[in-house]
Amino acid sequence: MLRGKTPFLKVFFPSEKKDVYFTPDYFKIQQMKKTTLVAAVLTAAFLITSCEKPCECEEAETPILGAPANIIPLAQADSLYKNYGNSRVELIELAENITEEGDTIRKEDANYKQATRLVSFSFAEMKKYMAYIEQQADSAGVEITDLRVYFGKNKKGAKKDAGKATVFFNPAAVLDLPNGTKDTVSFAILNLPDGTKKAVAVGTVLRPAAEMTAEGDAKSLSADLGTLMPPPPVSEYDF
């Protein structure tokens, strides 16, 4: 209907028992509110999706590292391997292949022991070990300065690699020693009664001095991760 010059829509509301008049502008305003609300919801959904999506920024890419200074040429590595074989292996095998009666075990004998030429380590296990010792050092408030490789030999009655040479690892750090000096030594972690941890020199655990007292339980950080391999190499394409 027309009311003056402005068109109105008349709607009867039974609950109110009266007619209510609406102008066309009223419906335009309501439509604009709905459109704005839908736009706001879509924008919020987009922002949430963007936050959950992994960053593909250039800054997140792992940088390509240059070769460290201790990388050596393959020819030099091959020379080191052969030098050891020419100067050490014969002496080691000569000493190891003597019976209790003093007789020499010949190379063609099944009991002949070959010298260890390499120790192979699982890369995945090495990463786990490195992460573990770093975590333990952090918990004791000490910084690892070195990763030491010690030479060892398995007992003749050992279940694995009996009588063979091996190596094991232990981290080292600068510690205050019981004699009042400070030095870089291999260390273990001491679990103290109050729940804290302390880095201590392995010698104070293995050979406690008279002035040392048992403060807590020592946790070893030594690791024997390797697989021993005598020559010949596994493949002709190796060293």
Protein backbone atom coordinates (compact mmCIF):
# COMPACT_ATOMS: atom_id res chain seq x y z
CA MET A 1 0.00 0.00 0.00
CA LEU A 2 1.03 3.65 -0.23
CA ARG A 3 1.34 5.89 2.77
CA GLY A 4 2.09 9.35 1.48
CA LYS A 5 4.73 8.81 -1.19
CA THR A 6 6.59 6.00 0.59
CA PRO A 7 5.48 2.42 -0.19
CA PHE A 8 4.91 0.20 2.86
CA LEU A 9 4.36 -3.52 3.32
CA LYS A 10 1.60 -4.25 5.80
CA VAL A 11 1.90 -7.44 7.88
CA PHE A 12 -0.68 -8.50 10.46
CA PHE A 13 0.77 -10.07 13.69
CA PRO A 14 -1.88 -12.13 15.50
CA SER A 15 0.09 -12.05 18.76
CA GLU A 16 0.09 -8.27 18.68
CA LYS A 17 -3.42 -8.03 17.20
CA LYS A 18 -2.34 -5.19 14.94
CA ASP A 19 -0.83 -4.39 11.56
CA VAL A 20 2.89 -3.61 11.27
CA TYR A 21 4.26 -1.63 8.33
CA PHE A 22 7.72 -2.29 6.84
CA THR A 23 9.53 -0.08 4.35
CA PRO A 24 11.68 -1.62 1.57
CA ASP A 25 14.79 -0.16 3.26
CA TYR A 26 14.16 -2.40 6.23
CA PHE A 27 14.65 -5.54 4.15
CA LYS A 28 17.75 -4.07 2.46
CA ILE A 29 19.33 -3.44 5.86
CA GLN A 30 18.55 -6.99 7.02
CA GLN A 31 20.07 -8.43 3.83
CA MET A 32 23.22 -6.33 4.32
CA LYS A 33 23.56 -7.63 7.90
CA LYS A 34 23.32 -11.24 6.69
CA THR A 35 25.90 -10.61 3.95
CA THR A 36 28.30 -9.01 6.45
CA LEU A 37 27.88 -11.92 8.89
CA VAL A 38 28.58 -14.51 6.17
CA ALA A 39 31.68 -12.58 5.07
CA ALA A 40 32.95 -12.42 8.66
CA VAL A 41 32.48 -16.19 9.13
CA LEU A 42 34.30 -16.98 5.87
CA THR A 43 37.18 -14.65 6.80
CA ALA A 44 37.54 -16.27 10.22
CA ALA A 45 37.52 -19.75 8.68
CA PHE A 46 40.21 -18.71 6.21
CA LEU A 47 42.40 -17.29 8.98
CA ILE A 48 42.07 -20.46 11.08
CA THR A 49 42.92 -22.63 8.06
CA SER A 50 45.92 -20.43 7.29
CA CYS A 51 47.21 -20.76 10.86
CA GLU A 52 46.90 -24.54 10.81
CA LYS A 53 48.63 -24.90 7.43
CA PRO A 54 52.37 -25.62 7.77
CA CYS A 55 54.57 -22.67 6.94
CA GLU A 56 56.07 -22.87 3.48
CA CYS A 57 58.19 -19.77 3.96
CA GLU A 58 61.74 -19.66 2.66
CA GLU A 59 62.97 -18.96 6.21
CA ALA A 60 61.71 -22.42 7.31
CA GLU A 61 63.91 -24.27 4.81
CA THR A 62 66.97 -26.06 6.18
CA PRO A 63 70.10 -24.26 4.98
CA ILE A 64 72.62 -26.23 2.95
CA LEU A 65 75.79 -26.54 5.01
CA GLY A 66 79.26 -26.27 3.58
CA ALA A 67 81.79 -29.06 4.15
CA PRO A 68 83.46 -28.79 7.60
CA ALA A 69 87.22 -28.29 7.82
CA ASN A 70 87.88 -31.88 8.92
CA ILE A 71 86.61 -33.49 5.68
CA ILE A 72 89.55 -35.21 3.95
CA PRO A 73 89.97 -36.39 0.33
CA LEU A 74 89.07 -40.01 -0.45
CA ALA A 75 92.64 -40.71 -1.52
CA GLN A 76 93.89 -39.60 1.90
CA ALA A 77 91.29 -41.74 3.65
CA ASP A 78 92.36 -44.76 1.58
CA SER A 79 96.00 -44.07 2.44
CA LEU A 80 95.20 -43.95 6.18
CA TYR A 81 93.39 -47.29 5.94
CA LYS A 82 96.22 -48.96 4.04
CA ASN A 83 98.92 -47.51 6.32
CA TYR A 84 97.21 -49.09 9.33
CA GLY A 85 96.95 -52.40 7.51
CA ASN A 86 100.62 -52.36 6.53
CA SER A 87 102.02 -51.32 9.91
CA ARG A 88 99.65 -52.63 12.60
CA VAL A 89 97.54 -55.54 11.39
CA GLU A 90 100.35 -58.08 11.06
CA LEU A 91 101.63 -57.33 14.57
CA ILE A 92 98.14 -57.59 16.09
CA GLU A 93 97.33 -60.86 14.34
CA LEU A 94 100.72 -62.30 15.28
CA ALA A 95 100.08 -61.54 18.95
CA GLU A 96 96.48 -62.78 18.88
CA ASN A 97 97.12 -66.07 17.11
CA ILE A 98 99.22 -67.84 19.70
CA THR A 99 97.83 -70.90 21.52
CA GLU A 100 98.17 -71.38 25.28
CA GLU A 101 100.93 -73.87 24.49
CA GLY A 102 102.82 -71.20 22.54
CA ASP A 103 102.11 -72.53 19.07
CA THR A 104 101.30 -70.19 16.17
CA ILE A 105 97.85 -70.47 14.59
CA ARG A 106 98.16 -70.35 10.81
CA LYS A 107 95.96 -68.14 8.59
CA GLU A 108 94.28 -71.11 6.94
CA ASP A 109 93.16 -72.40 10.37
CA ALA A 110 89.47 -71.82 11.21
CA ASN A 111 90.52 -70.45 14.62
CA TYR A 112 92.73 -67.75 13.10
CA LYS A 113 91.71 -64.30 14.41
CA GLN A 114 91.74 -61.38 12.01
CA ALA A 115 92.44 -57.89 13.29
CA THR A 116 89.51 -55.49 13.55
CA ARG A 117 89.73 -53.01 10.68
CA LEU A 118 86.59 -50.95 11.20
CA VAL A 119 83.69 -50.38 13.58
CA SER A 120 80.31 -49.58 12.00
CA PHE A 121 77.71 -47.48 13.83
CA SER A 122 74.01 -47.15 13.12
CA PHE A 123 73.43 -43.52 12.13
CA ALA A 124 69.96 -43.54 13.73
CA GLU A 125 71.33 -44.96 17.00
CA MET A 126 74.15 -42.42 16.99
CA LYS A 127 71.64 -39.56 16.69
CA LYS A 128 69.63 -40.99 19.60
CA TYR A 129 72.79 -41.27 21.69
CA MET A 130 73.89 -37.71 20.89
CA ALA A 131 70.45 -36.37 21.82
CA TYR A 132 70.44 -38.40 25.06
CA ILE A 133 73.84 -37.26 26.35
CA GLU A 134 73.02 -33.64 25.45
CA GLN A 135 69.76 -33.91 27.39
CA GLN A 136 71.55 -35.40 30.41
CA ALA A 137 74.28 -32.74 30.30
CA ASP A 138 71.67 -29.96 30.16
CA SER A 139 69.85 -31.45 33.16
CA ALA A 140 73.11 -31.26 35.15
CA GLY A 141 73.97 -27.76 33.93
CA VAL A 142 77.15 -28.78 32.12
CA GLU A 143 78.27 -28.25 28.50
CA ILE A 144 79.74 -31.13 26.49
CA THR A 145 83.08 -30.08 25.02
CA ASP A 146 84.23 -33.39 23.47
CA LEU A 147 82.96 -36.80 22.48
CA ARG A 148 85.74 -39.23 23.31
CA VAL A 149 86.30 -42.58 21.60
CA TYR A 150 88.07 -45.13 23.80
CA PHE A 151 89.72 -48.30 22.53
CA GLY A 152 88.79 -51.52 24.28
CA LYS A 153 88.86 -55.28 23.96
CA ASN A 154 86.09 -57.76 24.64
CA LYS A 155 86.79 -60.61 27.06
CA LYS A 156 87.51 -64.01 25.56
CA GLY A 157 84.33 -65.39 27.08
CA ALA A 158 82.09 -62.54 25.89
CA LYS A 159 78.86 -63.56 24.12
CA LYS A 160 79.48 -61.05 21.32
CA ASP A 161 82.80 -60.44 19.52
CA ALA A 162 84.75 -62.46 22.08
CA GLY A 163 88.39 -61.42 22.30
CA LYS A 164 88.02 -58.71 19.64
CA ALA A 165 88.99 -55.08 19.84
CA THR A 166 86.21 -52.49 20.08
CA VAL A 167 85.60 -48.83 20.85
CA PHE A 168 83.15 -47.03 23.12
CA PHE A 169 82.05 -43.41 23.53
CA ASN A 170 81.86 -41.06 26.49
CA PRO A 171 81.20 -37.30 26.54
CA ALA A 172 83.71 -34.98 28.22
CA ALA A 173 83.31 -31.58 29.86
CA VAL A 174 85.27 -29.07 31.94
CA LEU A 175 84.62 -29.98 35.60
CA ASP A 176 85.81 -28.92 39.02
CA LEU A 177 87.73 -31.92 40.40
CA PRO A 178 87.99 -33.07 44.04
CA ASN A 179 91.66 -32.02 44.22
CA GLY A 180 90.71 -28.39 43.62
CA THR A 181 91.76 -28.27 39.97
CA LYS A 182 89.65 -27.89 36.83
CA ASP A 183 90.11 -30.08 33.75
CA THR A 184 88.35 -31.60 30.74
CA VAL A 185 87.38 -35.13 31.73
CA SER A 186 84.89 -37.82 30.76
CA PHE A 187 81.85 -37.59 33.00
CA ALA A 188 78.83 -39.46 34.32
CA ILE A 189 75.62 -38.08 35.81
CA LEU A 190 75.00 -38.30 39.54
CA ASN A 191 71.36 -38.45 40.64
CA LEU A 192 71.28 -36.62 43.97
CA PRO A 193 68.81 -37.38 46.79
CA ASP A 194 67.07 -34.01 46.36
CA GLY A 195 66.15 -34.88 42.76
CA THR A 196 68.79 -32.71 41.09
CA LYS A 197 71.61 -33.97 38.87
CA LYS A 198 75.34 -33.34 38.92
CA ALA A 199 78.07 -34.09 36.38
CA VAL A 200 81.01 -35.95 37.95
CA ALA A 201 84.28 -37.29 36.56
CA VAL A 202 84.05 -41.00 35.77
CA GLY A 203 87.17 -41.60 37.86
CA THR A 204 85.41 -40.45 41.04
CA VAL A 205 82.74 -43.09 40.40
CA LEU A 206 85.09 -45.94 39.43
CA ARG A 207 87.88 -45.11 41.90
CA PRO A 208 86.39 -42.90 44.65
CA ALA A 209 89.04 -41.06 46.64
CA ALA A 210 89.06 -41.04 50.44
CA GLU A 211 87.62 -37.52 50.57
CA MET A 212 84.73 -38.43 48.28
CA THR A 213 81.40 -39.52 49.72
CA ALA A 214 78.60 -41.38 47.98
CA GLU A 215 76.20 -38.54 47.16
CA GLY A 216 73.80 -40.46 44.95
CA ASP A 217 73.38 -43.00 42.16
CA ALA A 218 75.67 -42.58 39.14
CA LYS A 219 74.26 -42.87 35.63
CA SER A 220 76.69 -43.94 32.91
CA LEU A 221 76.89 -42.07 29.59
CA SER A 222 79.30 -44.58 28.03
CA ALA A 223 78.02 -46.30 24.89
CA ASP A 224 79.20 -49.30 22.88
CA LEU A 225 77.20 -48.94 19.66
CA GLY A 226 79.49 -50.44 17.07
CA THR A 227 79.62 -53.56 14.94
CA LEU A 228 83.15 -54.87 14.46
CA MET A 229 84.33 -55.86 11.00
CA PRO A 230 87.63 -57.54 10.05
CA PRO A 231 88.91 -57.54 6.46
CA PRO A 232 88.24 -58.22 3.70
CA PRO A 233 85.70 -55.40 3.20
CA VAL A 234 82.05 -56.28 2.77
CA SER A 235 82.27 -55.11 -0.84
CA GLU A 236 85.00 -54.58 -3.40
CA TYR A 237 83.65 -51.04 -3.73
CA ASP A 238 84.66 -50.21 -0.14
CA PHE A 239 88.07 -49.10 1.18
